Amino acid sequence: MNVVAKWLGMATALTMLAGCELPGHEVGVDTKRKPPIAKKIVRFAGEKSKAISMVYTTRRALSLTFDGMADRETMEKLLDKLDAFHIKATFFLPGMRVAEEPDIAKEIVARGHEIENNTLNRLDLTKLSYNELYSEINLGDQVIKKATGITPHYVRTKLDSFNDDVRLATAQSGQEAVVSASLFLHNWQKETDLQKSHYVRKYINRGGIIEIDTEENKNLLEDIALLAKAADDVGYQFVTLHDLIEKGGERKPLEEIPGYAAAKINPNQSGAQYRLVSSLSTEKKVVALSFDDWGTDDTVTKILDLLDRYNVKASFFLRADGVEKNPNLARAIYEKGHDVGNHTYSHPVVTTITQAQLQEEIVKAHRIITEAIQHEPTMYFRPPTGVVDDKTLRTIGATGYHTIANFDVTPSDYVKTQTADGIVQAVMDQTHSGSVILLHMLDDIHTIEALPVIIEKLRSKGYSFVKMTDMFGT
């Protein structure tokens, strides 16, 4: 039987169940261009389905997802490659392709992967009427159920485009969420292998959702190898989307988190209270490790693991434009029991911007960090580069950040040419009782190599490590 005719027979039966009529039943009709036209569907009056692009979790897991269904040979190679790297993935399949080649869909399930709904024909649902888009979602769902026995939980639309009507229709069809992605990995252009590796590394995030189109992407096998290596480097695991979402959490809105308003824009600086701390005058052999800025999971997770290994608590000052893109990593730092302080939103030198701009940087960062960690941050502010003057100190204090946390040991680890040995030597030369050591969590520097040596050498000289809040109080 002609595959289109076979599909039309299945789809016609389904549309009768759904109360729809398929336009053009003759073989050869371009059904991909014409969505099934449903009889009048009453717009859903209940709650919209969720819209998910990243799952809120500190679990060391993320999901690899695929759209569409390529030809049989490509799909077989893809499944073999996933098996070779022990990756369980989630496939968003179009109902039309499942009806044409149900054996491919069944093979995906047999290999331990998950199937979800890529709608019937992968049309841009935002350009359809409510009747049409509901029909696309509902029929895609039904074809997948009939062909495979699998009931999809989630919907993904063409190019991840959706609106409130799509979310309503998804809920009306009985599915839980419209899913997009934290990374849609398209075809490479002229990137080098190193550029590809660095690009992929940025998106190996806890709770991340990576999306690849099996029909568009010409580098499927290469990309799986790249992703597998990047995840292995940081110790993260690919799990199915349902597993990731079911074990994830829900973030409270900012306004429901105590302390979200602890930092405010305050043009009135008269009487602003502040203290500038950079070291503690003490004979006790204690020092504080502090880490500034932001990096990928690959860098920050390795720093956290090293601190865990040596049972050291430190003080982190987060650049919030990075936190905004990857809130789960900020939450992971907080959950480890470290100080989580404010390092502005975009890392300006604070003496070079206006007082209004500085306060905006601080308050915006405070709110982003608060929402990410779901808790009031440590109310310590670290000025980028450490440069401050009397005017900026008052401006900072007026926002509610009364402690400006500087440092007295700086090994210039942020300079890429600075070696691990050079970092260690600079720390050992400069450190004394009560020192605050400045390190960075930037990618592609040598801090990770230097950190265990620093800890071991300082301990061998009798030093213990404390957080800045333990050293100076709150």
Protein backbone atom coordinates (compact mmCIF):
# COMPACT_ATOMS: atom_id res chain seq x y z
CA MET A 1 0.00 0.00 0.00
CA ASN A 2 1.23 3.53 -0.80
CA VAL A 3 2.52 5.06 2.46
CA VAL A 4 0.50 8.24 2.03
CA ALA A 5 -2.66 6.25 1.46
CA LYS A 6 -1.83 4.11 4.49
CA TRP A 7 -1.34 7.22 6.59
CA LEU A 8 -4.53 8.79 5.31
CA GLY A 9 -6.46 5.72 6.36
CA MET A 10 -5.05 5.96 9.88
CA ALA A 11 -5.42 9.72 10.06
CA THR A 12 -8.98 9.62 8.73
CA ALA A 13 -9.96 7.17 11.44
CA LEU A 14 -8.33 9.37 14.05
CA THR A 15 -9.97 12.52 12.78
CA MET A 16 -13.35 10.84 13.00
CA LEU A 17 -12.59 10.14 16.64
CA ALA A 18 -11.43 13.70 17.14
CA GLY A 19 -14.33 15.26 15.30
CA CYS A 20 -12.12 16.55 12.46
CA GLU A 21 -12.17 16.40 8.69
CA LEU A 22 -9.05 15.95 6.58
CA PRO A 23 -8.98 18.12 3.46
CA GLY A 24 -8.17 16.15 0.28
CA HIS A 25 -8.29 12.36 0.69
CA GLU A 26 -6.82 11.50 -2.69
CA VAL A 27 -3.32 10.01 -2.80
CA GLY A 28 -0.62 12.63 -3.44
CA VAL A 29 -2.23 15.52 -1.57
CA ASP A 30 0.43 17.60 0.17
CA THR A 31 -0.81 17.07 3.71
CA LYS A 32 2.29 18.67 5.14
CA ARG A 33 1.12 22.02 3.84
CA LYS A 34 -2.50 21.72 4.94
CA PRO A 35 -3.28 20.95 8.56
CA PRO A 36 -6.42 18.96 9.35
CA ILE A 37 -9.38 21.30 9.80
CA ALA A 38 -11.25 20.58 13.01
CA LYS A 39 -14.88 21.26 13.66
CA LYS A 40 -15.32 24.13 16.05
CA ILE A 41 -13.21 23.50 19.16
CA VAL A 42 -13.99 25.60 22.19
CA ARG A 43 -10.82 27.32 23.38
CA PHE A 44 -9.64 25.66 26.58
CA ALA A 45 -10.68 27.60 29.69
CA GLY A 46 -8.37 25.79 32.10
CA GLU A 47 -4.76 26.43 33.07
CA LYS A 48 -2.16 26.67 30.30
CA SER A 49 0.43 23.93 30.04
CA LYS A 50 3.90 24.74 31.30
CA ALA A 51 6.53 26.21 28.99
CA ILE A 52 9.93 24.62 29.69
CA SER A 53 13.33 25.47 28.25
CA MET A 54 15.45 24.44 31.27
CA VAL A 55 14.63 22.43 34.37
CA TYR A 56 15.34 23.94 37.79
CA THR A 57 17.67 21.46 39.46
CA THR A 58 21.17 21.12 40.85
CA ARG A 59 21.27 17.46 39.85
CA ARG A 60 24.20 16.72 37.54
CA ALA A 61 21.94 15.82 34.67
CA LEU A 62 20.63 17.28 31.43
CA SER A 63 18.63 16.05 28.44
CA LEU A 64 19.52 15.49 24.81
CA THR A 65 16.46 15.82 22.58
CA PHE A 66 15.84 15.37 18.87
CA ASP A 67 13.18 16.78 16.54
CA GLY A 68 11.71 15.24 13.42
CA MET A 69 12.49 11.85 11.92
CA ALA A 70 15.24 11.57 9.30
CA ASP A 71 15.51 8.70 6.83
CA ARG A 72 15.91 5.16 8.14
CA GLU A 73 19.67 4.94 7.52
CA THR A 74 20.34 8.20 9.37
CA MET A 75 18.13 7.22 12.28
CA GLU A 76 19.83 3.84 12.62
CA LYS A 77 23.27 5.46 12.69
CA LEU A 78 22.03 7.98 15.22
CA LEU A 79 20.67 5.28 17.53
CA ASP A 80 23.90 3.28 17.23
CA LYS A 81 25.94 6.35 18.16
CA LEU A 82 23.76 7.03 21.21
CA ASP A 83 24.21 3.42 22.27
CA ALA A 84 27.99 3.73 21.88
CA PHE A 85 28.03 6.65 24.33
CA HIS A 86 25.39 5.13 26.65
CA ILE A 87 23.09 8.13 26.18
CA LYS A 88 19.33 7.90 26.68
CA ALA A 89 17.61 10.64 24.69
CA THR A 90 14.16 12.04 23.99
CA PHE A 91 12.78 12.09 20.44
CA PHE A 92 10.04 14.53 19.45
CA LEU A 93 8.48 12.76 16.48
CA PRO A 94 5.99 14.17 13.94
CA GLY A 95 2.81 12.08 13.79
CA MET A 96 2.95 11.99 9.99
CA ARG A 97 6.41 10.38 9.98
CA VAL A 98 5.46 7.92 12.73
CA ALA A 99 2.50 6.81 10.62
CA GLU A 100 4.73 6.42 7.57
CA GLU A 101 7.50 4.47 9.34
CA PRO A 102 6.23 3.20 12.70
CA ASP A 103 9.08 0.66 12.87
CA ILE A 104 11.59 3.49 13.38
CA ALA A 105 9.55 4.87 16.27
CA LYS A 106 9.30 1.41 17.80
CA GLU A 107 13.06 0.94 17.45
CA ILE A 108 13.66 4.20 19.30
CA VAL A 109 11.57 2.92 22.20
CA ALA A 110 13.22 -0.53 22.08
CA ARG A 111 16.63 1.13 22.50
CA GLY A 112 15.47 2.73 25.75
CA HIS A 113 14.74 6.23 24.51
CA GLU A 114 11.66 8.37 25.04
CA ILE A 115 9.11 9.50 22.42
CA GLU A 116 7.25 12.81 22.58
CA ASN A 117 4.97 14.80 20.29
CA ASN A 118 6.43 16.99 17.52
CA THR A 119 2.85 17.71 16.32
CA LEU A 120 1.34 16.08 13.24
CA ASN A 121 3.15 17.92 10.43
CA ARG A 122 5.63 20.25 12.20
CA LEU A 123 3.86 23.39 11.08
CA ASP A 124 4.32 26.85 12.62
CA LEU A 125 1.40 26.65 15.04
CA THR A 126 1.52 30.36 15.83
CA LYS A 127 0.19 31.03 12.32
CA LEU A 128 -2.78 28.70 12.64
CA SER A 129 -6.25 29.18 14.06
CA TYR A 130 -6.98 27.61 17.44
CA ASN A 131 -8.93 24.83 15.70
CA GLU A 132 -6.03 24.04 13.39
CA LEU A 133 -3.29 24.11 15.99
CA TYR A 134 -5.33 22.00 18.42
CA SER A 135 -5.85 19.47 15.63
CA GLU A 136 -2.12 19.40 14.83
CA ILE A 137 -1.24 18.70 18.47
CA ASN A 138 -4.07 16.27 19.18
CA LEU A 139 -3.67 14.22 16.00
CA GLY A 140 0.10 14.01 16.45
CA ASP A 141 -0.55 12.67 19.92
CA GLN A 142 -3.08 10.11 18.72
CA VAL A 143 -0.97 8.82 15.83
CA ILE A 144 1.97 8.23 18.20
CA LYS A 145 -0.29 6.41 20.67
CA LYS A 146 -1.81 4.23 17.98
CA ALA A 147 1.48 3.35 16.29
CA THR A 148 3.64 2.79 19.37
CA GLY A 149 1.39 2.49 22.42
CA ILE A 150 3.29 5.43 23.96
CA THR A 151 1.38 8.37 25.48
CA PRO A 152 3.40 11.57 25.02
CA HIS A 153 3.79 13.98 27.95
CA TYR A 154 5.23 16.95 26.06
CA VAL A 155 4.85 18.91 22.82
CA ARG A 156 7.52 20.66 20.78
CA THR A 157 6.64 22.99 17.94
CA LYS A 158 8.49 23.96 14.76
CA LEU A 159 11.46 26.18 15.63
CA ASP A 160 10.20 26.20 19.24
CA SER A 161 7.64 28.88 18.36
CA PHE A 162 4.54 28.96 20.54
CA ASN A 163 2.05 31.34 22.11
CA ASP A 164 -0.67 31.17 24.75
CA ASP A 165 -3.06 29.40 22.37
CA VAL A 166 -0.49 26.65 21.77
CA ARG A 167 -0.07 26.22 25.53
CA LEU A 168 -3.85 26.08 25.99
CA ALA A 169 -4.29 23.55 23.20
CA THR A 170 -1.46 21.44 24.61
CA ALA A 171 -3.25 21.33 27.97
CA GLN A 172 -6.57 20.63 26.27
CA SER A 173 -4.97 17.68 24.48
CA GLY A 174 -3.84 16.28 27.84
CA GLN A 175 -0.12 17.02 27.60
CA GLU A 176 1.87 18.63 30.36
CA ALA A 177 4.20 21.14 28.71
CA VAL A 178 5.45 22.83 25.59
CA VAL A 179 9.19 22.19 25.56
CA SER A 180 11.84 24.33 23.90
CA ALA A 181 15.56 24.23 24.70
CA SER A 182 18.51 25.91 26.37
CA LEU A 183 20.53 25.13 23.22
CA PHE A 184 19.30 24.44 19.67
CA LEU A 185 22.41 23.01 18.02
CA HIS A 186 22.27 23.91 14.32
CA ASN A 187 24.76 23.07 11.59
CA TRP A 188 28.33 24.26 12.06
CA GLN A 189 29.73 26.81 9.67
CA LYS A 190 33.53 27.22 9.62
CA GLU A 191 34.32 26.68 13.30
CA THR A 192 37.51 24.91 14.30
CA ASP A 193 37.37 21.82 16.48
CA LEU A 194 38.43 23.94 19.48
CA GLN A 195 35.74 26.52 18.79
CA LYS A 196 33.12 23.78 18.55
CA SER A 197 34.32 22.24 21.80
CA HIS A 198 34.24 25.58 23.66
CA TYR A 199 30.79 26.41 22.26
CA VAL A 200 29.29 23.08 23.34
CA ARG A 201 30.95 23.36 26.76
CA LYS A 202 28.94 26.52 27.52
CA TYR A 203 25.69 24.59 27.30
CA ILE A 204 26.46 21.49 29.34
CA ASN A 205 24.38 22.84 32.22
CA ARG A 206 22.58 21.16 35.08
CA GLY A 207 18.93 20.94 33.98
CA GLY A 208 19.76 21.96 30.41
CA ILE A 209 17.77 20.79 27.39
CA ILE A 210 19.75 20.40 24.16
CA GLU A 211 17.80 20.24 20.91
CA ILE A 212 18.94 18.86 17.53
CA ASP A 213 16.84 18.52 14.38
CA THR A 214 17.51 15.12 12.81
CA GLU A 215 16.43 16.35 9.39
CA GLU A 216 18.29 19.68 9.38
CA ASN A 217 21.52 18.81 11.18
CA LYS A 218 24.22 17.40 8.90
CA ASN A 219 26.67 16.69 11.73
CA LEU A 220 24.55 14.43 13.93
CA LEU A 221 27.18 11.82 14.72
CA GLU A 222 29.95 14.37 15.23
CA ASP A 223 27.70 16.44 17.50
CA ILE A 224 26.80 13.48 19.70
CA ALA A 225 30.49 12.74 20.19
CA LEU A 226 31.15 16.41 21.07
CA LEU A 227 28.27 16.51 23.56
CA ALA A 228 29.20 13.19 25.13
CA LYS A 229 32.79 14.33 25.71
CA ALA A 230 31.71 17.69 27.15
CA ALA A 231 29.31 16.00 29.58
CA ASP A 232 31.90 13.40 30.56
CA ASP A 233 34.52 16.10 31.19
CA VAL A 234 32.37 17.71 33.88
CA GLY A 235 30.79 14.50 35.18
CA TYR A 236 27.23 15.14 34.01
CA GLN A 237 24.80 12.56 32.66
CA PHE A 238 22.23 12.71 29.86
CA VAL A 239 18.80 11.47 31.01
CA THR A 240 15.41 11.40 29.33
CA LEU A 241 13.38 14.57 29.46
CA HIS A 242 10.61 13.06 31.59
CA ASP A 243 13.19 11.90 34.14
CA LEU A 244 14.80 15.36 34.22
CA ILE A 245 11.49 17.21 34.64
CA GLU A 246 9.96 14.80 37.15
CA LYS A 247 12.99 15.08 39.44
CA GLY A 248 13.30 18.84 39.00
CA GLY A 249 11.82 21.61 41.10
CA GLU A 250 9.75 24.75 40.74
CA ARG A 251 11.26 28.17 41.29
CA LYS A 252 9.29 30.56 43.45
CA PRO A 253 8.67 33.97 41.91
CA LEU A 254 11.13 36.63 43.06
CA GLU A 255 8.54 38.50 45.13
CA GLU A 256 7.88 35.39 47.24
CA ILE A 257 11.52 35.01 48.33
CA PRO A 258 12.44 36.64 51.66
CA GLY A 259 15.19 39.19 51.18
CA TYR A 260 14.48 39.96 47.53
CA ALA A 261 14.02 43.64 48.44
CA ALA A 262 17.10 43.85 50.68
CA ALA A 263 18.85 45.85 47.94
CA LYS A 264 17.13 48.96 46.59
CA ILE A 265 17.84 51.96 44.41
CA ASN A 266 18.51 54.79 46.85
CA PRO A 267 19.69 58.16 45.46
CA ASN A 268 19.91 59.57 49.01
CA GLN A 269 23.40 58.69 50.16
CA SER A 270 23.56 60.93 53.19
CA GLY A 271 24.35 58.80 56.20
CA ALA A 272 24.90 55.68 54.06
CA GLN A 273 26.58 53.00 56.16
CA TYR A 274 29.37 50.86 54.80
CA ARG A 275 32.55 49.07 55.76
CA LEU A 276 35.40 48.13 53.45
CA VAL A 277 37.13 44.89 54.38
CA SER A 278 40.13 43.32 52.68
CA SER A 279 41.93 41.48 55.49
CA LEU A 280 41.54 40.82 59.19
CA SER A 281 44.06 41.95 61.78
CA THR A 282 44.54 38.75 63.75
CA GLU A 283 47.23 36.45 65.05
CA LYS A 284 45.01 33.46 64.37
CA LYS A 285 46.14 31.57 61.26
CA VAL A 286 42.95 31.81 59.26
CA VAL A 287 42.48 32.83 55.62
CA ALA A 288 39.48 33.20 53.30
CA LEU A 289 39.36 31.90 49.74
CA SER A 290 37.17 33.98 47.44
CA PHE A 291 36.17 33.43 43.81
CA ASP A 292 34.96 36.14 41.44
CA ASP A 293 33.11 36.39 38.15
CA TRP A 294 31.52 33.44 36.34
CA GLY A 295 32.34 30.39 34.24
CA THR A 296 30.81 27.30 32.70
CA ASP A 297 29.64 24.27 34.65
CA ASP A 298 32.86 22.60 33.53
CA THR A 299 34.93 25.12 35.50
CA VAL A 300 32.71 25.95 38.45
CA THR A 301 31.70 22.36 39.21
CA LYS A 302 35.36 21.34 39.30
CA ILE A 303 36.09 24.16 41.76
CA LEU A 304 33.17 23.06 43.94
CA ASP A 305 34.36 19.46 43.85
CA LEU A 306 37.89 20.47 44.88
CA LEU A 307 36.55 22.53 47.79
CA ASP A 308 34.41 19.55 48.82
CA ARG A 309 37.38 17.21 48.65
CA TYR A 310 39.36 19.42 51.04
CA ASN A 311 36.33 20.35 53.18
CA VAL A 312 36.79 24.07 52.50
CA LYS A 313 34.02 26.67 52.48
CA ALA A 314 34.68 29.78 50.39
CA SER A 315 33.09 33.06 49.33
CA PHE A 316 31.79 33.41 45.76
CA PHE A 317 31.00 36.75 44.13
CA LEU A 318 28.81 36.16 41.12
CA ARG A 319 28.58 38.13 37.91
CA ALA A 320 24.82 38.15 37.44
CA ASP A 321 24.59 38.26 33.65
CA GLY A 322 26.07 34.75 33.85
CA VAL A 323 23.72 33.70 36.65
CA GLU A 324 20.79 34.91 34.55
CA LYS A 325 21.67 32.40 31.83
CA ASN A 326 22.48 29.54 34.20
CA PRO A 327 20.65 29.88 37.54
CA ASN A 328 21.10 26.21 38.43
CA LEU A 329 24.85 26.65 38.78
CA ALA A 330 24.40 29.54 41.21
CA ARG A 331 22.01 27.41 43.24
CA ALA A 332 24.61 24.61 43.30
CA ILE A 333 27.16 27.00 44.83
CA TYR A 334 24.63 28.05 47.47
CA GLU A 335 23.64 24.47 48.30
CA LYS A 336 27.30 23.63 49.03
CA GLY A 337 27.22 26.12 51.91
CA HIS A 338 29.45 28.81 50.44
CA ASP A 339 28.91 32.56 50.66
CA VAL A 340 27.11 33.80 47.55
CA GLY A 341 27.78 37.51 47.10
CA ASN A 342 27.19 40.24 44.53
CA HIS A 343 29.72 41.14 41.81
CA THR A 344 27.44 43.45 39.73
CA TYR A 345 25.41 42.49 36.69
CA SER A 346 27.85 43.21 33.85
CA HIS A 347 31.23 43.70 35.58
CA PRO A 348 31.94 47.42 35.07
CA VAL A 349 34.75 49.22 36.88
CA VAL A 350 32.51 50.94 39.42
CA THR A 351 34.44 54.22 39.52
CA THR A 352 33.87 54.74 35.78
CA ILE A 353 30.05 54.71 35.77
CA THR A 354 27.44 57.03 37.27
CA GLN A 355 26.04 56.50 40.75
CA ALA A 356 22.65 55.64 39.24
CA GLN A 357 24.23 53.07 36.91
CA LEU A 358 26.17 51.52 39.78
CA GLN A 359 23.08 51.13 41.93
CA GLU A 360 21.18 49.64 38.99
CA GLU A 361 24.01 47.13 38.47
CA ILE A 362 23.91 46.11 42.14
CA VAL A 363 20.15 45.88 42.53
CA LYS A 364 19.63 44.02 39.24
CA ALA A 365 22.33 41.54 40.22
CA HIS A 366 20.82 41.11 43.68
CA ARG A 367 17.42 40.20 42.26
CA ILE A 368 18.80 37.79 39.67
CA ILE A 369 20.97 36.00 42.24
CA THR A 370 18.11 35.90 44.76
CA GLU A 371 15.76 34.30 42.25
CA ALA A 372 18.43 31.82 41.15
CA ILE A 373 19.37 30.58 44.61
CA GLN A 374 15.81 31.06 45.98
CA HIS A 375 17.23 32.77 49.05
CA GLU A 376 18.64 36.13 50.07
CA PRO A 377 22.30 36.27 48.97
CA THR A 378 25.18 37.02 51.27
CA MET A 379 24.95 40.80 51.62
CA TYR A 380 28.59 41.33 50.63
CA PHE A 381 29.51 43.28 47.49
CA ARG A 382 32.79 42.72 45.63
CA PRO A 383 33.66 45.59 43.23
CA PRO A 384 35.09 44.38 39.91
CA THR A 385 38.89 44.92 39.89
CA GLY A 386 38.63 45.99 43.55
CA VAL A 387 38.83 49.67 42.62
CA VAL A 388 36.62 51.96 44.77
CA ASP A 389 36.62 55.51 46.08
CA ASP A 390 34.67 57.35 48.80
CA LYS A 391 31.82 58.26 46.44
CA THR A 392 31.30 54.72 45.16
CA LEU A 393 31.53 53.28 48.69
CA ARG A 394 28.66 55.51 49.80
CA THR A 395 26.70 54.68 46.65
CA ILE A 396 27.11 50.96 47.30
CA GLY A 397 26.24 51.25 51.00
CA ALA A 398 23.07 53.18 50.18
CA THR A 399 21.67 50.18 48.27
CA GLY A 400 21.71 47.99 51.39
CA TYR A 401 25.04 46.29 50.69
CA HIS A 402 26.89 47.61 53.72
CA THR A 403 29.93 45.33 53.44
CA ILE A 404 32.28 45.93 50.51
CA ALA A 405 34.48 42.84 50.33
CA ASN A 406 37.90 43.45 48.87
CA PHE A 407 41.07 41.34 49.15
CA ASP A 408 44.77 41.57 49.94
CA VAL A 409 46.12 38.56 48.02
CA THR A 410 45.87 38.67 44.24
CA PRO A 411 47.87 36.17 42.17
CA SER A 412 46.46 37.49 38.85
CA ASP A 413 45.07 34.07 38.03
CA TYR A 414 42.67 35.69 35.54
CA VAL A 415 45.62 36.28 33.19
CA LYS A 416 45.67 33.27 30.85
CA THR A 417 49.46 33.28 30.62
CA GLN A 418 49.80 32.99 34.40
CA THR A 419 50.81 29.40 35.14
CA ALA A 420 49.51 27.22 37.96
CA ASP A 421 52.97 27.37 39.57
CA GLY A 422 52.94 31.15 39.29
CA ILE A 423 49.51 31.37 40.92
CA VAL A 424 50.62 29.15 43.81
CA GLN A 425 53.83 31.08 44.35
CA ALA A 426 52.04 34.45 44.36
CA VAL A 427 49.53 33.22 46.93
CA MET A 428 52.24 31.82 49.19
CA ASP A 429 54.30 35.02 48.93
CA GLN A 430 51.40 37.34 49.78
CA THR A 431 49.31 35.42 52.31
CA HIS A 432 49.40 36.07 56.06
CA SER A 433 47.00 35.55 58.97
CA GLY A 434 43.64 37.12 58.14
CA SER A 435 44.24 37.34 54.38
CA VAL A 436 41.49 37.29 51.77
CA ILE A 437 42.72 35.49 48.66
CA LEU A 438 41.23 36.53 45.31
CA LEU A 439 40.80 33.77 42.72
CA HIS A 440 38.54 33.54 39.67
CA MET A 441 36.11 30.98 38.24
CA LEU A 442 36.80 31.88 34.63
CA ASP A 443 37.26 29.28 31.91
CA ASP A 444 40.63 28.45 30.39
CA ILE A 445 42.82 29.77 33.18
CA HIS A 446 44.96 27.69 35.55
CA THR A 447 43.13 28.20 38.85
CA ILE A 448 41.77 24.66 38.98
CA GLU A 449 45.30 23.26 38.69
CA ALA A 450 46.60 25.64 41.34
CA LEU A 451 43.78 25.32 43.87
CA PRO A 452 44.62 21.96 45.49
CA VAL A 453 48.28 22.94 45.80
CA ILE A 454 47.31 26.25 47.43
CA ILE A 455 45.10 24.50 49.97
CA GLU A 456 47.69 21.85 50.80
CA LYS A 457 50.60 24.30 51.12
CA LEU A 458 48.67 26.73 53.31
CA ARG A 459 47.44 23.92 55.54
CA SER A 460 50.99 22.63 55.86
CA LYS A 461 51.88 26.06 57.30
CA GLY A 462 49.07 25.83 59.85
CA TYR A 463 46.41 27.90 58.11
CA SER A 464 42.71 27.02 58.21
CA PHE A 465 40.07 28.25 55.77
CA VAL A 466 36.91 30.19 56.59
CA LYS A 467 34.28 32.07 54.63
CA MET A 468 34.45 35.86 54.59
CA THR A 469 31.23 36.01 56.61
CA ASP A 470 32.92 33.89 59.29
CA MET A 471 35.96 36.16 59.21
CA PHE A 472 34.16 39.53 59.28
CA GLY A 473 30.61 38.68 60.41
CA THR A 474 27.37 39.59 58.70
